Amino acid sequence: MFAIVDKRSPEKSIQNLSKYVSDIFLFETFNTTYNSISGHPDIFIYQQNNTLIIAPNSPKEFINFLNSKNIKFEFGKSFIGNDLENCSNYNCVSSEKYFFHNLKFTDEKILELNKNKIQINLNQAYTACSLLVLPDNTFVTSDKGIFKVLENNNLNVSYFSPEKIKIFDHKNGFFGGTCGFVEKKLFFNGNVDLHENGKIIRNLTEKLEIEIVNLNDVYLYDGGKIFFV
């Protein structure tokens, strides 16, 4: 198993993550999109089970990494740029039954992949940044708009304040961008227990028998998710 993370993640987070995977790709781009999200994998990558759809203008080093590890992927149709409509195309999430995104911006290959799911349209185009999907249709979001929509759809959703979540160039980051889930483990780029809402996550994961792995002893860092492939 391999991991993909923002190269600007705290060094200790990267060092501790290396104990759980065979190799790590440190993601970065230059002059492609906003600086704050330039190293965020979830801007360039959509993952659904074993399917990876990536932006055609993803870094060559990243494409070489996937090929060298024999990781299957396909290119989407959308190129990442500097505007909302072309930097959020892959920033969507799904569960077994539902697909979530601002559907005006979703890459067409991702829409096709999820055509048989219930598609829930959200105003927040940075959906993967803002929304974590856990087993048993359990959801956590740091976006109040997303929270209301999911609540109105009678979904089991909890709110996690974005306060004190670190990100470049902005006051606060998003909760979904701080973590990654694989094999009944929820990894955090930082320490979720330092946050005022950490107990919410502890209660959810205990019910779902999920282990929390805090990769560092600092406040959470939004690096555009931790991907496991």
Protein backbone atom coordinates (compact mmCIF):
# COMPACT_ATOMS: atom_id res chain seq x y z
CA MET A 1 0.00 0.00 0.00
CA PHE A 2 1.19 3.51 -0.85
CA ALA A 3 0.23 6.98 0.37
CA ILE A 4 -0.12 10.33 -1.40
CA VAL A 5 0.13 13.52 0.67
CA ASP A 6 0.83 17.22 0.36
CA LYS A 7 4.60 17.73 0.32
CA ARG A 8 4.13 20.69 2.69
CA SER A 9 2.71 18.45 5.43
CA PRO A 10 4.61 18.59 8.73
CA GLU A 11 7.74 16.45 8.54
CA LYS A 12 6.77 14.41 11.59
CA SER A 13 3.42 13.51 9.98
CA ILE A 14 5.21 12.21 6.90
CA GLN A 15 7.74 10.27 8.98
CA ASN A 16 5.04 8.56 11.02
CA LEU A 17 2.91 7.82 7.96
CA SER A 18 5.89 6.01 6.42
CA LYS A 19 5.58 3.36 9.13
CA TYR A 20 2.24 2.23 7.66
CA VAL A 21 2.95 2.20 3.92
CA SER A 22 5.57 0.92 1.49
CA ASP A 23 6.21 4.32 -0.05
CA ILE A 24 4.87 7.89 0.00
CA PHE A 25 4.47 10.31 -2.89
CA LEU A 26 4.89 13.92 -1.79
CA PHE A 27 2.49 15.89 -3.98
CA GLU A 28 3.28 19.39 -5.26
CA THR A 29 2.51 21.57 -8.27
CA PHE A 30 3.72 24.95 -9.50
CA ASN A 31 1.74 27.64 -11.34
CA THR A 32 -1.21 25.34 -11.92
CA THR A 33 -3.72 26.48 -9.30
CA TYR A 34 -3.98 28.53 -6.09
CA ASN A 35 -0.95 28.28 -3.81
CA SER A 36 -3.11 27.19 -0.85
CA ILE A 37 -4.24 24.05 -2.68
CA SER A 38 -1.31 23.57 -5.05
CA GLY A 39 -0.07 20.53 -3.12
CA HIS A 40 -3.47 19.07 -2.33
CA PRO A 41 -3.94 15.63 -3.92
CA ASP A 42 -7.75 15.87 -3.71
CA ILE A 43 -7.71 18.74 -6.22
CA PHE A 44 -6.17 16.45 -8.83
CA ILE A 45 -7.40 12.99 -7.79
CA TYR A 46 -10.76 11.29 -7.36
CA GLN A 47 -10.71 7.86 -5.73
CA GLN A 48 -13.59 5.41 -5.54
CA ASN A 49 -12.73 1.95 -4.26
CA ASN A 50 -9.94 0.81 -6.59
CA THR A 51 -10.70 3.40 -9.26
CA LEU A 52 -8.45 6.44 -9.59
CA ILE A 53 -9.38 9.28 -11.92
CA ILE A 54 -6.76 12.02 -12.15
CA ALA A 55 -6.46 15.36 -13.90
CA PRO A 56 -4.64 15.23 -17.27
CA ASN A 57 -2.28 17.99 -16.08
CA SER A 58 -1.30 16.18 -12.89
CA PRO A 59 2.45 16.40 -12.22
CA LYS A 60 4.54 14.12 -14.43
CA GLU A 61 6.37 12.89 -11.34
CA PHE A 62 3.07 11.72 -9.88
CA ILE A 63 2.07 9.90 -13.07
CA ASN A 64 5.51 8.25 -13.14
CA PHE A 65 5.04 7.20 -9.53
CA LEU A 66 1.69 5.53 -10.28
CA ASN A 67 3.15 3.74 -13.28
CA SER A 68 6.23 2.60 -11.37
CA LYS A 69 4.02 1.06 -8.68
CA ASN A 70 1.68 -0.54 -11.24
CA ILE A 71 -1.25 1.46 -9.86
CA LYS A 72 -4.09 1.60 -12.36
CA PHE A 73 -5.61 5.00 -13.13
CA GLU A 74 -7.36 6.88 -15.88
CA PHE A 75 -7.37 10.52 -16.89
CA GLY A 76 -10.42 12.66 -16.44
CA LYS A 77 -11.54 15.26 -18.96
CA SER A 78 -10.99 18.37 -16.84
CA PHE A 79 -7.71 20.27 -16.59
CA ILE A 80 -6.98 21.94 -13.27
CA GLY A 81 -6.64 25.74 -13.33
CA ASN A 82 -6.99 28.86 -11.24
CA ASP A 83 -10.77 29.33 -11.18
CA LEU A 84 -13.41 27.61 -9.06
CA GLU A 85 -14.99 25.94 -12.09
CA ASN A 86 -11.69 24.31 -13.07
CA CYS A 87 -10.01 23.53 -9.77
CA SER A 88 -12.80 21.60 -8.03
CA ASN A 89 -13.70 19.06 -10.74
CA TYR A 90 -12.21 16.08 -8.88
CA ASN A 91 -12.95 17.30 -5.36
CA CYS A 92 -15.98 15.09 -4.78
CA VAL A 93 -16.84 12.09 -2.61
CA SER A 94 -19.15 9.12 -2.68
CA SER A 95 -20.49 6.33 -0.53
CA GLU A 96 -22.01 3.06 -1.70
CA LYS A 97 -25.36 4.77 -2.24
CA TYR A 98 -24.66 8.49 -2.62
CA PHE A 99 -22.52 10.87 -4.65
CA PHE A 100 -21.79 14.37 -3.33
CA HIS A 101 -20.55 17.43 -5.19
CA ASN A 102 -21.47 20.72 -6.80
CA LEU A 103 -22.65 18.99 -9.94
CA LYS A 104 -21.98 22.04 -12.12
CA PHE A 105 -18.27 21.41 -11.78
CA THR A 106 -17.91 17.61 -11.65
CA ASP A 107 -15.66 15.98 -14.23
CA GLU A 108 -17.78 14.05 -16.71
CA LYS A 109 -15.93 10.76 -16.17
CA ILE A 110 -16.70 10.92 -12.47
CA LEU A 111 -20.35 11.67 -13.17
CA GLU A 112 -20.51 8.68 -15.50
CA LEU A 113 -18.93 6.44 -12.85
CA ASN A 114 -21.61 7.51 -10.35
CA LYS A 115 -24.61 7.66 -12.65
CA ASN A 116 -26.46 4.94 -10.76
CA LYS A 117 -26.06 6.55 -7.34
CA ILE A 118 -28.25 9.13 -5.68
CA GLN A 119 -26.52 12.38 -6.61
CA ILE A 120 -26.76 15.11 -3.98
CA ASN A 121 -25.90 18.56 -5.25
CA LEU A 122 -24.00 20.85 -2.88
CA ASN A 123 -23.13 24.53 -3.07
CA GLN A 124 -19.67 23.77 -1.69
CA ALA A 125 -17.58 22.75 -4.71
CA TYR A 126 -14.66 21.75 -2.48
CA THR A 127 -16.62 18.77 -1.26
CA ALA A 128 -13.80 16.30 -0.59
CA CYS A 129 -12.01 19.02 1.38
CA SER A 130 -15.10 19.49 3.53
CA LEU A 131 -16.73 16.08 3.89
CA LEU A 132 -15.48 12.78 5.30
CA VAL A 133 -17.34 9.57 4.44
CA LEU A 134 -17.14 6.75 6.98
CA PRO A 135 -18.74 3.27 6.96
CA ASP A 136 -22.43 2.72 7.70
CA ASN A 137 -23.43 5.97 5.94
CA THR A 138 -21.72 8.08 8.59
CA PHE A 139 -20.53 11.55 7.57
CA VAL A 140 -18.51 14.38 9.12
CA THR A 141 -18.28 17.88 7.64
CA SER A 142 -16.78 21.23 8.51
CA ASP A 143 -19.18 23.05 6.17
CA LYS A 144 -22.49 24.21 7.63
CA GLY A 145 -24.15 24.23 4.22
CA ILE A 146 -23.20 20.60 3.60
CA PHE A 147 -24.34 19.74 7.10
CA LYS A 148 -27.83 21.16 6.45
CA VAL A 149 -28.21 19.39 3.10
CA LEU A 150 -27.21 16.00 4.51
CA GLU A 151 -29.36 16.52 7.57
CA ASN A 152 -32.32 17.37 5.33
CA ASN A 153 -31.69 14.10 3.49
CA ASN A 154 -31.91 12.24 6.82
CA LEU A 155 -28.26 11.21 6.73
CA ASN A 156 -26.15 10.60 9.81
CA VAL A 157 -23.93 13.68 9.72
CA SER A 158 -21.85 15.40 12.41
CA TYR A 159 -20.40 18.91 12.31
CA PHE A 160 -16.71 19.56 12.99
CA SER A 161 -15.66 23.20 13.32
CA PRO A 162 -12.92 24.37 10.93
CA GLU A 163 -11.47 26.57 13.68
CA LYS A 164 -7.73 26.01 14.21
CA ILE A 165 -7.37 23.72 11.18
CA LYS A 166 -4.17 24.90 9.52
CA ILE A 167 -3.84 25.67 5.80
CA PHE A 168 -1.60 27.92 3.72
CA ASP A 169 -2.87 31.44 2.93
CA HIS A 170 -6.18 31.15 4.81
CA LYS A 171 -7.34 31.47 8.41
CA ASN A 172 -8.85 27.97 8.58
CA GLY A 173 -8.76 24.80 6.52
CA PHE A 174 -11.36 22.07 6.03
CA PHE A 175 -11.85 18.90 8.07
CA GLY A 176 -11.99 16.46 5.14
CA GLY A 177 -8.58 17.61 3.98
CA THR A 178 -6.92 16.66 7.27
CA CYS A 179 -7.37 12.91 7.11
CA GLY A 180 -7.51 9.66 5.19
CA PHE A 181 -9.35 6.40 5.83
CA VAL A 182 -8.19 2.88 5.02
CA GLU A 183 -8.61 -0.60 6.50
CA LYS A 184 -10.56 0.52 9.58
CA LYS A 185 -7.95 3.18 10.38
CA LEU A 186 -8.56 6.94 10.26
CA PHE A 187 -5.28 8.82 9.85
CA PHE A 188 -4.98 12.47 10.81
CA ASN A 189 -2.38 14.94 9.58
CA GLY A 190 -1.91 16.26 13.10
CA ASN A 191 -3.75 15.38 16.29
CA VAL A 192 -7.55 15.42 16.20
CA ASP A 193 -7.71 15.23 19.99
CA LEU A 194 -6.28 18.75 20.27
CA HIS A 195 -9.41 20.11 18.60
CA GLU A 196 -12.47 21.11 20.59
CA ASN A 197 -14.57 18.69 18.51
CA GLY A 198 -12.14 15.79 18.84
CA LYS A 199 -14.53 13.93 21.14
CA ILE A 200 -17.12 13.87 18.37
CA ILE A 201 -14.70 11.91 16.20
CA ARG A 202 -13.69 9.64 19.07
CA ASN A 203 -17.34 8.76 19.74
CA LEU A 204 -18.04 8.02 16.08
CA THR A 205 -14.96 5.88 15.55
CA GLU A 206 -15.57 3.88 18.72
CA LYS A 207 -19.07 2.99 17.52
CA LEU A 208 -17.71 2.01 14.11
CA GLU A 209 -14.70 0.15 15.61
CA ILE A 210 -12.29 2.41 13.72
CA GLU A 211 -8.79 3.12 15.04
CA ILE A 212 -7.63 6.74 15.06
CA VAL A 213 -3.99 7.30 14.09
CA ASN A 214 -2.71 10.78 14.95
CA LEU A 215 0.40 11.31 12.85
CA ASN A 216 1.63 14.31 14.81
CA ASP A 217 1.16 16.22 18.05
CA VAL A 218 0.13 19.54 16.49
CA TYR A 219 -3.16 21.06 15.33
CA LEU A 220 -4.71 19.48 12.26
CA TYR A 221 -3.27 20.42 8.86
CA ASP A 222 -5.48 20.54 5.78
CA GLY A 223 -3.28 19.08 3.06
CA GLY A 224 -6.00 17.91 0.71
CA LYS A 225 -6.55 14.48 2.26
CA ILE A 226 -4.27 11.49 2.70
CA PHE A 227 -4.80 9.04 -0.15
CA PHE A 228 -4.03 5.34 0.18
CA VAL A 229 -3.61 3.32 -3.03
